[in-house]
C-alpha atoms as a PDB file:
ATOM      1  CA  UNK A   1       1.321  14.070   9.301  1.00  0.00           C
ATOM      2  CA  UNK A   2       3.814  12.428   7.123  1.00  0.00           C
ATOM      3  CA  UNK A   3       3.645  12.826   3.377  1.00  0.00           C
ATOM      4  CA  UNK A   4       3.908   9.934   0.928  1.00  0.00           C
ATOM      5  CA  UNK A   5       7.522  10.547   0.028  1.00  0.00           C
ATOM      6  CA  UNK A   6       8.695  10.542   3.623  1.00  0.00           C
ATOM      7  CA  UNK A   7       6.593   7.480   4.436  1.00  0.00           C
ATOM      8  CA  UNK A   8       8.107   5.727   1.604  1.00  0.00           C
ATOM      9  CA  UNK A   9      11.674   6.963   2.445  1.00  0.00           C
ATOM     10  CA  UNK A  10      11.177   5.461   6.009  1.00  0.00           C
ATOM     11  CA  UNK A  11       9.810   2.114   4.948  1.00  0.00           C
ATOM     12  CA  UNK A  12       8.497   1.277   1.472  1.00  0.00           C
ATOM     13  CA  UNK A  13       6.470  -1.533   2.655  1.00  0.00           C
ATOM     14  CA  UNK A  14       2.552  -1.239   2.764  1.00  0.00           C
ATOM     15  CA  UNK A  15       0.846  -3.340   5.585  1.00  0.00           C
ATOM     16  CA  UNK A  16      -2.435  -4.621   3.922  1.00  0.00           C
ATOM     17  CA  UNK A  17      -4.833  -5.481   6.681  1.00  0.00           C
ATOM     18  CA  UNK A  18      -7.536  -7.297   4.813  1.00  0.00           C
ATOM     19  CA  UNK A  19     -10.152  -8.776   6.988  1.00  0.00           C
ATOM     20  CA  UNK A  20      -9.180  -6.766  10.234  1.00  0.00           C
ATOM     21  CA  UNK A  21     -11.813  -5.688  12.639  1.00  0.00           C
ATOM     22  CA  UNK A  22     -12.086  -2.219  14.372  1.00  0.00           C
ATOM     23  CA  UNK A  23     -11.575  -4.096  17.800  1.00  0.00           C
ATOM     24  CA  UNK A  24      -8.205  -5.415  16.757  1.00  0.00           C
ATOM     25  CA  UNK A  25      -6.917  -2.643  14.462  1.00  0.00           C
ATOM     26  CA  UNK A  26      -5.199  -0.565  16.976  1.00  0.00           C
ATOM     27  CA  UNK A  27      -2.978  -3.175  18.666  1.00  0.00           C
ATOM     28  CA  UNK A  28      -1.952  -4.604  15.184  1.00  0.00           C
ATOM     29  CA  UNK A  29      -1.442  -1.079  13.924  1.00  0.00           C
ATOM     30  CA  UNK A  30       0.934  -0.386  16.997  1.00  0.00           C
ATOM     31  CA  UNK A  31       2.817  -3.490  16.423  1.00  0.00           C
ATOM     32  CA  UNK A  32       3.429  -2.644  12.812  1.00  0.00           C
ATOM     33  CA  UNK A  33       4.582   0.938  13.359  1.00  0.00           C
ATOM     34  CA  UNK A  34       6.827  -0.161  16.261  1.00  0.00           C
ATOM     35  CA  UNK A  35       8.551  -2.808  13.910  1.00  0.00           C
ATOM     36  CA  UNK A  36       9.006   0.321  11.457  1.00  0.00           C
ATOM     37  CA  UNK A  37       6.211   0.231   9.035  1.00  0.00           C
ATOM     38  CA  UNK A  38       5.012   3.936   7.859  1.00  0.00           C
ATOM     39  CA  UNK A  39       2.082   2.928   5.630  1.00  0.00           C
ATOM     40  CA  UNK A  40      -0.966   0.865   6.689  1.00  0.00           C
ATOM     41  CA  UNK A  41      -3.819   0.060   4.333  1.00  0.00           C
ATOM     42  CA  UNK A  42      -7.331  -1.375   5.364  1.00  0.00           C
ATOM     43  CA  UNK A  43      -9.032  -2.776   2.253  1.00  0.00           C
ATOM     44  CA  UNK A  44     -12.611  -1.662   1.954  1.00  0.00           C
ATOM     45  CA  UNK A  45     -13.845  -5.251   1.682  1.00  0.00           C
ATOM     46  CA  UNK A  46     -12.916  -5.922   5.342  1.00  0.00           C
ATOM     47  CA  UNK A  47     -15.488  -5.830   8.328  1.00  0.00           C
ATOM     48  CA  UNK A  48     -16.364  -2.012   9.141  1.00  0.00           C
ATOM     49  CA  UNK A  49     -13.251  -0.754   7.273  1.00  0.00           C
ATOM     50  CA  UNK A  50     -14.015   2.860   7.844  1.00  0.00           C
ATOM     51  CA  UNK A  51     -14.170   2.489  11.551  1.00  0.00           C
ATOM     52  CA  UNK A  52     -10.903   0.804  11.346  1.00  0.00           C
ATOM     53  CA  UNK A  53      -9.250   3.438   9.270  1.00  0.00           C
ATOM     54  CA  UNK A  54     -10.509   6.092  11.604  1.00  0.00           C
ATOM     55  CA  UNK A  55      -9.093   4.254  14.620  1.00  0.00           C
ATOM     56  CA  UNK A  56      -5.760   4.239  12.892  1.00  0.00           C
ATOM     57  CA  UNK A  57      -5.891   7.663  11.925  1.00  0.00           C
ATOM     58  CA  UNK A  58      -6.827   9.032  15.281  1.00  0.00           C
ATOM     59  CA  UNK A  59      -4.023   7.064  17.114  1.00  0.00           C
ATOM     60  CA  UNK A  60      -1.313   6.882  14.548  1.00  0.00           C
ATOM     61  CA  UNK A  61      -2.208   9.526  12.003  1.00  0.00           C
ATOM     62  CA  UNK A  62       0.921  11.690  13.041  1.00  0.00           C
ATOM     63  CA  UNK A  63       3.251   8.777  12.799  1.00  0.00           C
ATOM     64  CA  UNK A  64       2.104   6.797   9.674  1.00  0.00           C
ATOM     65  CA  UNK A  65       0.158   7.208   6.418  1.00  0.00           C
ATOM     66  CA  UNK A  66      -3.166   5.542   6.897  1.00  0.00           C
ATOM     67  CA  UNK A  67      -5.324   4.668   3.853  1.00  0.00           C
ATOM     68  CA  UNK A  68      -7.767   2.179   2.201  1.00  0.00           C
ATOM     69  CA  UNK A  69      -7.346  -0.523  -0.212  1.00  0.00           C
ATOM     70  CA  UNK A  70      -9.848  -1.972  -2.749  1.00  0.00           C
ATOM     71  CA  UNK A  71     -11.346   1.277  -3.274  1.00  0.00           C
ATOM     72  CA  UNK A  72     -13.623   0.989  -6.317  1.00  0.00           C
ATOM     73  CA  UNK A  73     -15.704   4.098  -6.769  1.00  0.00           C
ATOM     74  CA  UNK A  74     -15.638   7.845  -6.122  1.00  0.00           C
ATOM     75  CA  UNK A  75     -18.182   7.208  -3.314  1.00  0.00           C
ATOM     76  CA  UNK A  76     -15.688   4.846  -1.654  1.00  0.00           C
ATOM     77  CA  UNK A  77     -13.054   7.852  -1.879  1.00  0.00           C
ATOM     78  CA  UNK A  78     -15.488  10.187  -0.086  1.00  0.00           C
ATOM     79  CA  UNK A  79     -15.870   7.655   2.577  1.00  0.00           C
ATOM     80  CA  UNK A  80     -12.251   7.182   3.062  1.00  0.00           C
ATOM     81  CA  UNK A  81     -11.665  10.943   3.311  1.00  0.00           C
ATOM     82  CA  UNK A  82     -14.436  11.228   5.894  1.00  0.00           C
ATOM     83  CA  UNK A  83     -12.658   8.506   7.945  1.00  0.00           C
ATOM     84  CA  UNK A  84      -9.415  10.546   7.885  1.00  0.00           C
ATOM     85  CA  UNK A  85      -7.843   8.306   5.495  1.00  0.00           C
ATOM     86  CA  UNK A  86      -5.043   9.782   3.271  1.00  0.00           C
ATOM     87  CA  UNK A  87      -4.169   7.192   0.886  1.00  0.00           C
ATOM     88  CA  UNK A  88      -6.484   5.523  -1.916  1.00  0.00           C
ATOM     89  CA  UNK A  89      -5.008   2.064  -3.307  1.00  0.00           C
ATOM     90  CA  UNK A  90      -7.050   0.511  -6.123  1.00  0.00           C
ATOM     91  CA  UNK A  91      -7.198  -2.934  -7.859  1.00  0.00           C
ATOM     92  CA  UNK A  92      -7.926  -1.205 -11.035  1.00  0.00           C
ATOM     93  CA  UNK A  93      -7.202   2.116 -12.818  1.00  0.00           C
ATOM     94  CA  UNK A  94     -10.701   3.532 -13.260  1.00  0.00           C
ATOM     95  CA  UNK A  95      -9.860   7.235 -14.089  1.00  0.00           C
ATOM     96  CA  UNK A  96     -12.919   8.442 -12.180  1.00  0.00           C
ATOM     97  CA  UNK A  97     -11.491   6.896  -8.840  1.00  0.00           C
ATOM     98  CA  UNK A  98      -8.084   8.483  -9.354  1.00  0.00           C
ATOM     99  CA  UNK A  99      -9.363  11.835 -10.103  1.00  0.00           C
ATOM    100  CA  UNK A 100     -11.736  11.810  -7.098  1.00  0.00           C
ATOM    101  CA  UNK A 101      -8.913  10.958  -4.996  1.00  0.00           C
ATOM    102  CA  UNK A 102      -6.942  13.766  -6.270  1.00  0.00           C
ATOM    103  CA  UNK A 103      -9.787  16.218  -6.176  1.00  0.00           C
ATOM    104  CA  UNK A 104      -9.997  15.200  -2.538  1.00  0.00           C
ATOM    105  CA  UNK A 105      -6.313  15.838  -2.056  1.00  0.00           C
ATOM    106  CA  UNK A 106      -5.620  12.304  -1.300  1.00  0.00           C
ATOM    107  CA  UNK A 107      -2.744  10.167  -2.576  1.00  0.00           C
ATOM    108  CA  UNK A 108      -3.668   7.461  -5.167  1.00  0.00           C
ATOM    109  CA  UNK A 109      -2.004   4.457  -6.286  1.00  0.00           C
ATOM    110  CA  UNK A 110      -4.148   2.576  -8.888  1.00  0.00           C
ATOM    111  CA  UNK A 111      -3.583  -1.046  -9.735  1.00  0.00           C
ATOM    112  CA  UNK A 112      -2.257  -1.612 -13.314  1.00  0.00           C
ATOM    113  CA  UNK A 113      -1.030  -4.595 -15.384  1.00  0.00           C
ATOM    114  CA  UNK A 114       0.111  -3.053 -18.620  1.00  0.00           C
ATOM    115  CA  UNK A 115       2.223  -0.007 -19.617  1.00  0.00           C
ATOM    116  CA  UNK A 116      -1.000   1.521 -21.386  1.00  0.00           C
ATOM    117  CA  UNK A 117      -2.910   1.414 -17.927  1.00  0.00           C
ATOM    118  CA  UNK A 118       0.206   2.783 -16.081  1.00  0.00           C
ATOM    119  CA  UNK A 119       0.637   5.724 -18.399  1.00  0.00           C
ATOM    120  CA  UNK A 120      -3.015   6.590 -18.410  1.00  0.00           C
ATOM    121  CA  UNK A 121      -3.213   6.463 -14.548  1.00  0.00           C
ATOM    122  CA  UNK A 122      -0.396   8.778 -14.345  1.00  0.00           C
ATOM    123  CA  UNK A 123      -2.114  11.127 -16.857  1.00  0.00           C
ATOM    124  CA  UNK A 124      -4.914  11.203 -14.462  1.00  0.00           C
ATOM    125  CA  UNK A 125      -2.828  12.094 -11.414  1.00  0.00           C
ATOM    126  CA  UNK A 126      -1.682   8.926  -9.914  1.00  0.00           C
ATOM    127  CA  UNK A 127       1.094   9.307  -7.285  1.00  0.00           C
ATOM    128  CA  UNK A 128       2.583   5.803  -7.907  1.00  0.00           C
ATOM    129  CA  UNK A 129       1.563   2.628  -9.760  1.00  0.00           C
ATOM    130  CA  UNK A 130       0.490  -0.574  -7.972  1.00  0.00           C
ATOM    131  CA  UNK A 131       1.709  -3.443 -10.159  1.00  0.00           C
ATOM    132  CA  UNK A 132      -0.906  -6.004  -9.542  1.00  0.00           C
ATOM    133  CA  UNK A 133      -0.637  -9.053  -9.306  1.00  0.00           C
ATOM    134  CA  UNK A 134       2.950  -8.986  -8.686  1.00  0.00           C
ATOM    135  CA  UNK A 135       3.198 -12.765  -9.058  1.00  0.00           C
ATOM    136  CA  UNK A 136       2.112 -12.691 -12.544  1.00  0.00           C
ATOM    137  CA  UNK A 137       4.160  -9.496 -13.540  1.00  0.00           C
ATOM    138  CA  UNK A 138       7.473 -10.605 -12.113  1.00  0.00           C
ATOM    139  CA  UNK A 139      10.895  -8.950 -12.118  1.00  0.00           C
ATOM    140  CA  UNK A 140      11.606  -9.307 -15.834  1.00  0.00           C
ATOM    141  CA  UNK A 141       8.412  -7.281 -16.559  1.00  0.00           C
ATOM    142  CA  UNK A 142       9.379  -4.749 -14.066  1.00  0.00           C
ATOM    143  CA  UNK A 143      12.877  -4.302 -15.445  1.00  0.00           C
ATOM    144  CA  UNK A 144      11.192  -3.810 -18.842  1.00  0.00           C
ATOM    145  CA  UNK A 145       8.646  -1.278 -17.508  1.00  0.00           C
ATOM    146  CA  UNK A 146      11.616   0.538 -15.731  1.00  0.00           C
ATOM    147  CA  UNK A 147      13.238   1.120 -19.084  1.00  0.00           C
ATOM    148  CA  UNK A 148      10.252   3.198 -20.364  1.00  0.00           C
ATOM    149  CA  UNK A 149       8.685   4.797 -17.200  1.00  0.00           C
ATOM    150  CA  UNK A 150      10.325   7.932 -15.626  1.00  0.00           C
ATOM    151  CA  UNK A 151      12.511   6.884 -12.703  1.00  0.00           C
ATOM    152  CA  UNK A 152      10.245   9.286 -10.492  1.00  0.00           C
ATOM    153  CA  UNK A 153       7.440   6.939 -11.021  1.00  0.00           C
ATOM    154  CA  UNK A 154       7.173   4.678  -8.136  1.00  0.00           C
ATOM    155  CA  UNK A 155       6.252   0.992  -8.750  1.00  0.00           C
ATOM    156  CA  UNK A 156       4.764  -0.837  -5.831  1.00  0.00           C
ATOM    157  CA  UNK A 157       4.478  -4.691  -6.099  1.00  0.00           C
ATOM    158  CA  UNK A 158       1.304  -6.107  -4.693  1.00  0.00           C
ATOM    159  CA  UNK A 159       0.127  -9.917  -4.626  1.00  0.00           C
ATOM    160  CA  UNK A 160       2.090 -12.769  -3.508  1.00  0.00           C
ATOM    161  CA  UNK A 161       4.944 -10.645  -1.933  1.00  0.00           C
ATOM    162  CA  UNK A 162       6.746 -12.301   0.856  1.00  0.00           C
ATOM    163  CA  UNK A 163      10.325 -11.643   2.291  1.00  0.00           C
ATOM    164  CA  UNK A 164      12.043 -13.777  -0.516  1.00  0.00           C
ATOM    165  CA  UNK A 165      10.189 -11.790  -3.188  1.00  0.00           C
ATOM    166  CA  UNK A 166      11.692  -8.376  -2.039  1.00  0.00           C
ATOM    167  CA  UNK A 167      15.178  -8.628  -3.417  1.00  0.00           C
ATOM    168  CA  UNK A 168      14.746  -9.738  -6.973  1.00  0.00           C
ATOM    169  CA  UNK A 169      11.840  -7.170  -7.428  1.00  0.00           C
ATOM    170  CA  UNK A 170      13.911  -4.432  -5.882  1.00  0.00           C
ATOM    171  CA  UNK A 171      16.902  -5.177  -8.177  1.00  0.00           C
ATOM    172  CA  UNK A 172      14.460  -4.993 -11.142  1.00  0.00           C
ATOM    173  CA  UNK A 173      13.282  -1.403 -10.291  1.00  0.00           C
ATOM    174  CA  UNK A 174      10.438  -1.888  -7.787  1.00  0.00           C
ATOM    175  CA  UNK A 175      10.396   0.868  -5.104  1.00  0.00           C
ATOM    176  CA  UNK A 176       7.701  -0.417  -2.912  1.00  0.00           C
ATOM    177  CA  UNK A 177       5.874  -3.495  -1.692  1.00  0.00           C
ATOM    178  CA  UNK A 178       2.236  -4.059  -0.534  1.00  0.00           C
ATOM    179  CA  UNK A 179       2.365  -7.006   1.876  1.00  0.00           C
ATOM    180  CA  UNK A 180      -0.821  -8.813   2.588  1.00  0.00           C
ATOM    181  CA  UNK A 181      -1.318 -12.473   3.752  1.00  0.00           C
ATOM    182  CA  UNK A 182       2.320 -12.860   4.547  1.00  0.00           C
ATOM    183  CA  UNK A 183       1.922 -10.192   7.186  1.00  0.00           C
ATOM    184  CA  UNK A 184      -1.561 -10.310   8.359  1.00  0.00           C
ATOM    185  CA  UNK A 185      -4.399 -12.667   8.103  1.00  0.00           C
ATOM    186  CA  UNK A 186      -7.806 -12.719   9.975  1.00  0.00           C
ATOM    187  CA  UNK A 187      -7.341 -13.952  13.567  1.00  0.00           C
ATOM    188  CA  UNK A 188      -3.532 -13.451  13.640  1.00  0.00           C
ATOM    189  CA  UNK A 189      -2.753 -11.447  16.722  1.00  0.00           C
ATOM    190  CA  UNK A 190      -0.721  -8.280  17.177  1.00  0.00           C
ATOM    191  CA  UNK A 191       2.477 -10.233  18.542  1.00  0.00           C
ATOM    192  CA  UNK A 192       2.606 -12.431  15.561  1.00  0.00           C
ATOM    193  CA  UNK A 193       1.995  -9.500  13.191  1.00  0.00           C
ATOM    194  CA  UNK A 194       4.803  -7.615  14.749  1.00  0.00           C
ATOM    195  CA  UNK A 195       7.110 -10.596  14.472  1.00  0.00           C
ATOM    196  CA  UNK A 196       6.286 -11.050  10.815  1.00  0.00           C
ATOM    197  CA  UNK A 197       6.732  -7.211  10.250  1.00  0.00           C
ATOM    198  CA  UNK A 198      10.320  -7.255  11.568  1.00  0.00           C
ATOM    199  CA  UNK A 199      11.049 -10.246   9.443  1.00  0.00           C
ATOM    200  CA  UNK A 200       9.876  -8.365   6.340  1.00  0.00           C
ATOM    201  CA  UNK A 201      11.704  -5.137   7.293  1.00  0.00           C
ATOM    202  CA  UNK A 202      14.933  -7.086   7.764  1.00  0.00           C
ATOM    203  CA  UNK A 203      14.531  -8.552   4.322  1.00  0.00           C
ATOM    204  CA  UNK A 204      13.989  -5.286   2.754  1.00  0.00           C
ATOM    205  CA  UNK A 205      16.956  -3.635   4.603  1.00  0.00           C
ATOM    206  CA  UNK A 206      19.143  -6.539   3.530  1.00  0.00           C
ATOM    207  CA  UNK A 207      18.048  -6.268  -0.139  1.00  0.00           C
ATOM    208  CA  UNK A 208      18.581  -2.560  -0.109  1.00  0.00           C
ATOM    209  CA  UNK A 209      22.127  -2.635   1.531  1.00  0.00           C
END
């Protein structure tokens, strides 16, 4: 199994599969990993999310970091751990959820929109910060945050991120990107997801060069 640092070093793009079903998750996961993704998230407001997480972990757990998004409570954390998910991604920064994730030996990236939330999340053990919603925060805010947060703190932009948003946020100091509807939407097949994944990775590589 790969750890969080290794997964981000390979590819700092997180595939957010909101709305995916267990029947389609393995082909879509295979397309993503073949394209170069190393982190896959199934939001818990998807149909049967824990079944999808378990299926991904069973098939790809040695090649990718599999986890859950929209994790709202410590009970959710327990369910993700039971399904063999290893990453907890949150839309908020509830300290009880962050602490539950760390107590379960899971990686955790809470959602934050202010420096106060960010520093509090780190104090509770967060492994990185999900800056959400990214379209409201923008590169100028990322640059300002970067000046006061330690460089070791990973900023992951989530919300409205497509290929054209990667370069300006990366230049401002972001280190990762959660990709949702520009990558996967309900009903989008594995071939199309793979095509979009390749396009996103190409945009990241170009911006990183």
